C-alpha atoms as a PDB file:
ATOM      1  CA  MET A   1    -104.504 -68.708 -80.469  1.00  0.00           C
ATOM      2  CA  ILE A   2    -103.126 -66.797 -83.440  1.00  0.00           C
ATOM      3  CA  THR A   3     -99.691 -68.187 -84.305  1.00  0.00           C
ATOM      4  CA  LYS A   4     -97.360 -66.524 -86.812  1.00  0.00           C
ATOM      5  CA  THR A   5     -93.798 -66.977 -87.971  1.00  0.00           C
ATOM      6  CA  CYS A   6     -92.269 -63.640 -88.885  1.00  0.00           C
ATOM      7  CA  THR A   7     -89.134 -61.876 -90.066  1.00  0.00           C
ATOM      8  CA  LEU A   8     -87.465 -58.742 -88.751  1.00  0.00           C
ATOM      9  CA  ILE A   9     -84.498 -56.873 -90.247  1.00  0.00           C
ATOM     10  CA  PHE A  10     -82.466 -53.885 -89.098  1.00  0.00           C
ATOM     11  CA  LEU A  11     -80.432 -51.924 -91.656  1.00  0.00           C
ATOM     12  CA  ARG A  12     -77.072 -50.680 -90.393  1.00  0.00           C
ATOM     13  CA  ARG A  13     -74.628 -48.095 -91.648  1.00  0.00           C
ATOM     14  CA  ASP A  14     -71.595 -46.960 -89.673  1.00  0.00           C
ATOM     15  CA  ASN A  15     -72.833 -46.263 -86.119  1.00  0.00           C
ATOM     16  CA  GLN A  16     -76.484 -45.961 -87.155  1.00  0.00           C
ATOM     17  CA  VAL A  17     -79.469 -48.271 -87.313  1.00  0.00           C
ATOM     18  CA  LEU A  18     -82.645 -47.792 -89.328  1.00  0.00           C
ATOM     19  CA  LEU A  19     -85.839 -48.027 -87.312  1.00  0.00           C
ATOM     20  CA  ALA A  20     -89.300 -47.453 -88.685  1.00  0.00           C
ATOM     21  CA  MET A  21     -92.392 -46.062 -87.002  1.00  0.00           C
ATOM     22  CA  LYS A  22     -95.239 -48.511 -87.519  1.00  0.00           C
ATOM     23  CA  LYS A  23     -98.145 -46.432 -88.770  1.00  0.00           C
ATOM     24  CA  ARG A  24    -101.021 -48.923 -88.493  1.00  0.00           C
ATOM     25  CA  GLY A  25    -102.002 -52.376 -87.272  1.00  0.00           C
ATOM     26  CA  PHE A  26    -100.119 -54.503 -84.762  1.00  0.00           C
ATOM     27  CA  GLY A  27     -97.345 -52.492 -83.081  1.00  0.00           C
ATOM     28  CA  ALA A  28     -98.648 -49.133 -84.372  1.00  0.00           C
ATOM     29  CA  ASN A  29     -96.961 -46.006 -82.982  1.00  0.00           C
ATOM     30  CA  ARG A  30     -93.777 -47.852 -82.038  1.00  0.00           C
ATOM     31  CA  TYR A  31     -90.365 -47.928 -83.664  1.00  0.00           C
ATOM     32  CA  ASN A  32     -89.174 -51.324 -84.804  1.00  0.00           C
ATOM     33  CA  GLY A  33     -87.160 -53.036 -87.486  1.00  0.00           C
ATOM     34  CA  ILE A  34     -88.771 -53.970 -90.788  1.00  0.00           C
ATOM     35  CA  GLY A  35     -90.630 -57.238 -91.208  1.00  0.00           C
ATOM     36  CA  GLY A  36     -93.770 -59.237 -90.983  1.00  0.00           C
ATOM     37  CA  LYS A  37     -95.513 -62.546 -91.364  1.00  0.00           C
ATOM     38  CA  ILE A  38     -94.190 -65.343 -93.551  1.00  0.00           C
ATOM     39  CA  GLU A  39     -96.928 -66.131 -96.072  1.00  0.00           C
ATOM     40  CA  GLU A  40     -98.062 -69.616 -97.085  1.00  0.00           C
ATOM     41  CA  GLY A  41     -95.432 -71.187 -99.369  1.00  0.00           C
ATOM     42  CA  GLU A  42     -92.766 -68.548 -98.654  1.00  0.00           C
ATOM     43  CA  THR A  43     -89.342 -69.222 -97.219  1.00  0.00           C
ATOM     44  CA  ILE A  44     -88.006 -67.050 -94.399  1.00  0.00           C
ATOM     45  CA  GLU A  45     -85.689 -65.328 -96.872  1.00  0.00           C
ATOM     46  CA  GLN A  46     -88.461 -64.680 -99.413  1.00  0.00           C
ATOM     47  CA  ALA A  47     -90.636 -63.120 -96.698  1.00  0.00           C
ATOM     48  CA  LEU A  48     -87.725 -60.985 -95.464  1.00  0.00           C
ATOM     49  CA  LEU A  49     -87.125 -59.608 -98.964  1.00  0.00           C
ATOM     50  CA  ARG A  50     -90.831 -59.070 -99.711  1.00  0.00           C
ATOM     51  CA  GLU A  51     -91.551 -57.311 -96.412  1.00  0.00           C
ATOM     52  CA  THR A  52     -88.542 -55.003 -96.780  1.00  0.00           C
ATOM     53  CA  ARG A  53     -89.607 -54.011-100.306  1.00  0.00           C
ATOM     54  CA  GLU A  54     -93.227 -53.451 -99.231  1.00  0.00           C
ATOM     55  CA  GLU A  55     -92.494 -51.551 -96.029  1.00  0.00           C
ATOM     56  CA  ILE A  56     -89.548 -49.263 -96.938  1.00  0.00           C
ATOM     57  CA  ASN A  57     -88.889 -49.901-100.657  1.00  0.00           C
ATOM     58  CA  VAL A  58     -85.378 -51.362-100.383  1.00  0.00           C
ATOM     59  CA  VAL A  59     -83.924 -54.748-101.318  1.00  0.00           C
ATOM     60  CA  PRO A  60     -81.489 -56.252 -98.781  1.00  0.00           C
ATOM     61  CA  MET A  61     -78.308 -57.523-100.470  1.00  0.00           C
ATOM     62  CA  ASN A  62     -76.048 -58.550 -97.562  1.00  0.00           C
ATOM     63  CA  TYR A  63     -77.815 -59.754 -94.423  1.00  0.00           C
ATOM     64  CA  TRP A  64     -77.318 -62.354 -91.709  1.00  0.00           C
ATOM     65  CA  LYS A  65     -79.430 -63.878 -88.950  1.00  0.00           C
ATOM     66  CA  VAL A  66     -78.703 -62.566 -85.457  1.00  0.00           C
ATOM     67  CA  ALA A  67     -81.618 -63.702 -83.298  1.00  0.00           C
ATOM     68  CA  GLU A  68     -84.650 -65.898 -82.890  1.00  0.00           C
ATOM     69  CA  HIS A  69     -87.451 -64.768 -80.598  1.00  0.00           C
ATOM     70  CA  ASP A  70     -90.534 -66.519 -79.243  1.00  0.00           C
ATOM     71  CA  PHE A  71     -93.203 -63.990 -78.184  1.00  0.00           C
ATOM     72  CA  LEU A  72     -96.388 -65.030 -76.372  1.00  0.00           C
ATOM     73  CA  MET A  73     -99.482 -63.171 -75.203  1.00  0.00           C
ATOM     74  CA  SER A  74    -102.016 -65.577 -73.721  1.00  0.00           C
ATOM     75  CA  ASP A  75    -104.349 -63.082 -71.949  1.00  0.00           C
ATOM     76  CA  GLY A  76    -107.477 -61.491 -73.314  1.00  0.00           C
ATOM     77  CA  ASP A  77    -109.782 -62.349 -76.192  1.00  0.00           C
ATOM     78  CA  THR A  78    -107.166 -62.785 -78.921  1.00  0.00           C
ATOM     79  CA  PRO A  79    -104.080 -64.591 -77.598  1.00  0.00           C
ATOM     80  CA  TRP A  80    -101.119 -64.770 -79.972  1.00  0.00           C
ATOM     81  CA  ARG A  81     -97.700 -66.309 -80.412  1.00  0.00           C
ATOM     82  CA  MET A  82     -95.014 -65.065 -82.804  1.00  0.00           C
ATOM     83  CA  TYR A  83     -91.738 -66.725 -83.651  1.00  0.00           C
ATOM     84  CA  VAL A  84     -89.474 -64.063 -85.165  1.00  0.00           C
ATOM     85  CA  HIS A  85     -86.319 -64.617 -87.246  1.00  0.00           C
ATOM     86  CA  THR A  86     -84.209 -61.463 -86.854  1.00  0.00           C
ATOM     87  CA  TYR A  87     -81.479 -60.167 -89.200  1.00  0.00           C
ATOM     88  CA  LEU A  88     -78.992 -57.351 -89.614  1.00  0.00           C
ATOM     89  CA  CYS A  89     -78.230 -55.898 -93.042  1.00  0.00           C
ATOM     90  CA  ASP A  90     -75.317 -53.704 -94.143  1.00  0.00           C
ATOM     91  CA  GLU A  91     -75.933 -53.537 -97.902  1.00  0.00           C
ATOM     92  CA  TRP A  92     -79.156 -52.883 -99.823  1.00  0.00           C
ATOM     93  CA  GLN A  93     -80.491 -51.464-103.060  1.00  0.00           C
ATOM     94  CA  GLY A  94     -82.601 -48.314-102.963  1.00  0.00           C
ATOM     95  CA  GLU A  95     -83.106 -45.692-100.292  1.00  0.00           C
ATOM     96  CA  PRO A  96     -85.526 -46.262 -97.417  1.00  0.00           C
ATOM     97  CA  GLU A  97     -88.822 -44.508 -98.120  1.00  0.00           C
ATOM     98  CA  GLU A  98     -91.973 -43.924 -96.109  1.00  0.00           C
ATOM     99  CA  THR A  99     -94.938 -46.103 -97.102  1.00  0.00           C
ATOM    100  CA  GLU A 100     -98.509 -46.493 -95.853  1.00  0.00           C
ATOM    101  CA  GLU A 101     -97.154 -49.010 -93.319  1.00  0.00           C
ATOM    102  CA  MET A 102     -93.848 -47.585 -92.043  1.00  0.00           C
ATOM    103  CA  ALA A 103     -91.936 -44.305 -91.640  1.00  0.00           C
ATOM    104  CA  PRO A 104     -88.187 -45.134 -91.588  1.00  0.00           C
ATOM    105  CA  GLU A 105     -85.656 -43.035 -89.675  1.00  0.00           C
ATOM    106  CA  TRP A 106     -81.921 -43.385 -88.999  1.00  0.00           C
ATOM    107  CA  PHE A 107     -80.731 -43.302 -85.366  1.00  0.00           C
ATOM    108  CA  GLU A 108     -77.287 -43.254 -83.845  1.00  0.00           C
ATOM    109  CA  ILE A 109     -76.958 -46.526 -81.935  1.00  0.00           C
ATOM    110  CA  GLU A 110     -76.455 -44.662 -78.650  1.00  0.00           C
ATOM    111  CA  ASP A 111     -79.683 -42.691 -79.324  1.00  0.00           C
ATOM    112  CA  ILE A 112     -82.073 -45.565 -80.073  1.00  0.00           C
ATOM    113  CA  PRO A 113     -85.528 -44.504 -78.758  1.00  0.00           C
ATOM    114  CA  TYR A 114     -86.140 -47.565 -76.584  1.00  0.00           C
ATOM    115  CA  SER A 115     -88.896 -45.735 -74.678  1.00  0.00           C
ATOM    116  CA  ASN A 116     -90.960 -45.776 -77.901  1.00  0.00           C
ATOM    117  CA  MET A 117     -90.300 -49.418 -78.812  1.00  0.00           C
ATOM    118  CA  TRP A 118     -91.437 -52.818 -77.560  1.00  0.00           C
ATOM    119  CA  GLN A 119     -90.260 -53.356 -73.968  1.00  0.00           C
ATOM    120  CA  ASP A 120     -88.194 -56.425 -74.900  1.00  0.00           C
ATOM    121  CA  ASP A 121     -85.980 -54.521 -77.359  1.00  0.00           C
ATOM    122  CA  THR A 122     -83.682 -53.188 -74.632  1.00  0.00           C
ATOM    123  CA  LEU A 123     -82.984 -56.789 -73.583  1.00  0.00           C
ATOM    124  CA  TRP A 124     -81.573 -58.039 -76.894  1.00  0.00           C
ATOM    125  CA  LEU A 125     -81.085 -55.297 -79.522  1.00  0.00           C
ATOM    126  CA  PRO A 126     -77.892 -53.889 -77.951  1.00  0.00           C
ATOM    127  CA  GLN A 127     -76.387 -57.394 -77.977  1.00  0.00           C
ATOM    128  CA  VAL A 128     -77.129 -58.076 -81.644  1.00  0.00           C
ATOM    129  CA  LEU A 129     -75.912 -54.619 -82.668  1.00  0.00           C
ATOM    130  CA  SER A 130     -72.615 -55.413 -80.911  1.00  0.00           C
ATOM    131  CA  GLY A 131     -72.203 -58.690 -82.826  1.00  0.00           C
ATOM    132  CA  GLU A 132     -73.807 -61.297 -80.564  1.00  0.00           C
ATOM    133  CA  LYS A 133     -76.448 -63.866 -81.516  1.00  0.00           C
ATOM    134  CA  VAL A 134     -79.379 -64.242 -79.151  1.00  0.00           C
ATOM    135  CA  VAL A 135     -82.347 -66.496 -78.479  1.00  0.00           C
ATOM    136  CA  GLY A 136     -85.189 -64.924 -76.545  1.00  0.00           C
ATOM    137  CA  GLU A 137     -88.505 -65.924 -75.011  1.00  0.00           C
ATOM    138  CA  TYR A 138     -90.973 -63.269 -73.867  1.00  0.00           C
ATOM    139  CA  THR A 139     -94.497 -63.160 -72.481  1.00  0.00           C
ATOM    140  CA  PHE A 140     -96.758 -60.111 -72.584  1.00  0.00           C
ATOM    141  CA  ASP A 141    -100.101 -59.232 -71.057  1.00  0.00           C
ATOM    142  CA  LYS A 142    -103.076 -58.027 -73.114  1.00  0.00           C
ATOM    143  CA  ASP A 143    -101.888 -54.422 -72.698  1.00  0.00           C
ATOM    144  CA  ASP A 144     -98.479 -55.228 -74.286  1.00  0.00           C
ATOM    145  CA  ASN A 145     -96.604 -55.095 -70.967  1.00  0.00           C
ATOM    146  CA  LEU A 146     -93.635 -57.446 -70.730  1.00  0.00           C
ATOM    147  CA  LEU A 147     -94.265 -60.030 -67.991  1.00  0.00           C
ATOM    148  CA  THR A 148     -91.389 -62.510 -68.318  1.00  0.00           C
ATOM    149  CA  HIS A 149     -88.296 -62.870 -70.448  1.00  0.00           C
ATOM    150  CA  SER A 150     -85.298 -65.074 -71.071  1.00  0.00           C
ATOM    151  CA  VAL A 151     -82.505 -63.892 -73.360  1.00  0.00           C
ATOM    152  CA  ARG A 152     -79.481 -66.072 -74.024  1.00  0.00           C
ATOM    153  CA  ILE A 153     -76.366 -65.283 -76.029  1.00  0.00           C
ATOM    154  CA  VAL A 154     -75.617 -68.288 -78.253  1.00  0.00           C
ATOM    155  CA  GLU A 155     -72.965 -69.429 -80.708  1.00  0.00           C
ATOM    156  CA  THR A 156     -75.506 -70.929 -83.110  1.00  0.00           C
ATOM    157  CA  LEU A 157     -79.188 -70.121 -83.576  1.00  0.00           C
ATOM    158  CA  PRO A 158     -81.740 -72.985 -83.414  1.00  0.00           C
ATOM    159  CA  THR A 159     -82.642 -72.903 -87.131  1.00  0.00           C
ATOM    160  CA  GLU A 160     -79.115 -72.340 -88.514  1.00  0.00           C
END
């Protein structure tokens, strides 16, 4: 089983959130936050900063953890598990730019394109955008369909 620990960050301004269309690789053709795998020897924070620079060319300045997610897909030839540390950010340096990996776009929070995102996003993203912290567990089949989920609002995240 492929196991990864990852970061995910959502930039926020006023009543908008920045989503990015993944252009290639895992999650291609879906909107998501910005993030990726924590490399050997990196801290969560170092990975968060590196991924944000690489994927949309900005440097987060003020950010805070809002969720921890455990994703599992055990069907098929290449099962995987991802543990994702999720953040919101309201201050950054630079302007989001399209790269080979991601095409960023601002959305009004009430117009988030959930139909073109991972199926779990509707279960937790509204809560974190309204100020809650969440812990989630999700299982998917080999076709990326959500099979089971558990989302809990918490006072403190497991790794805080």
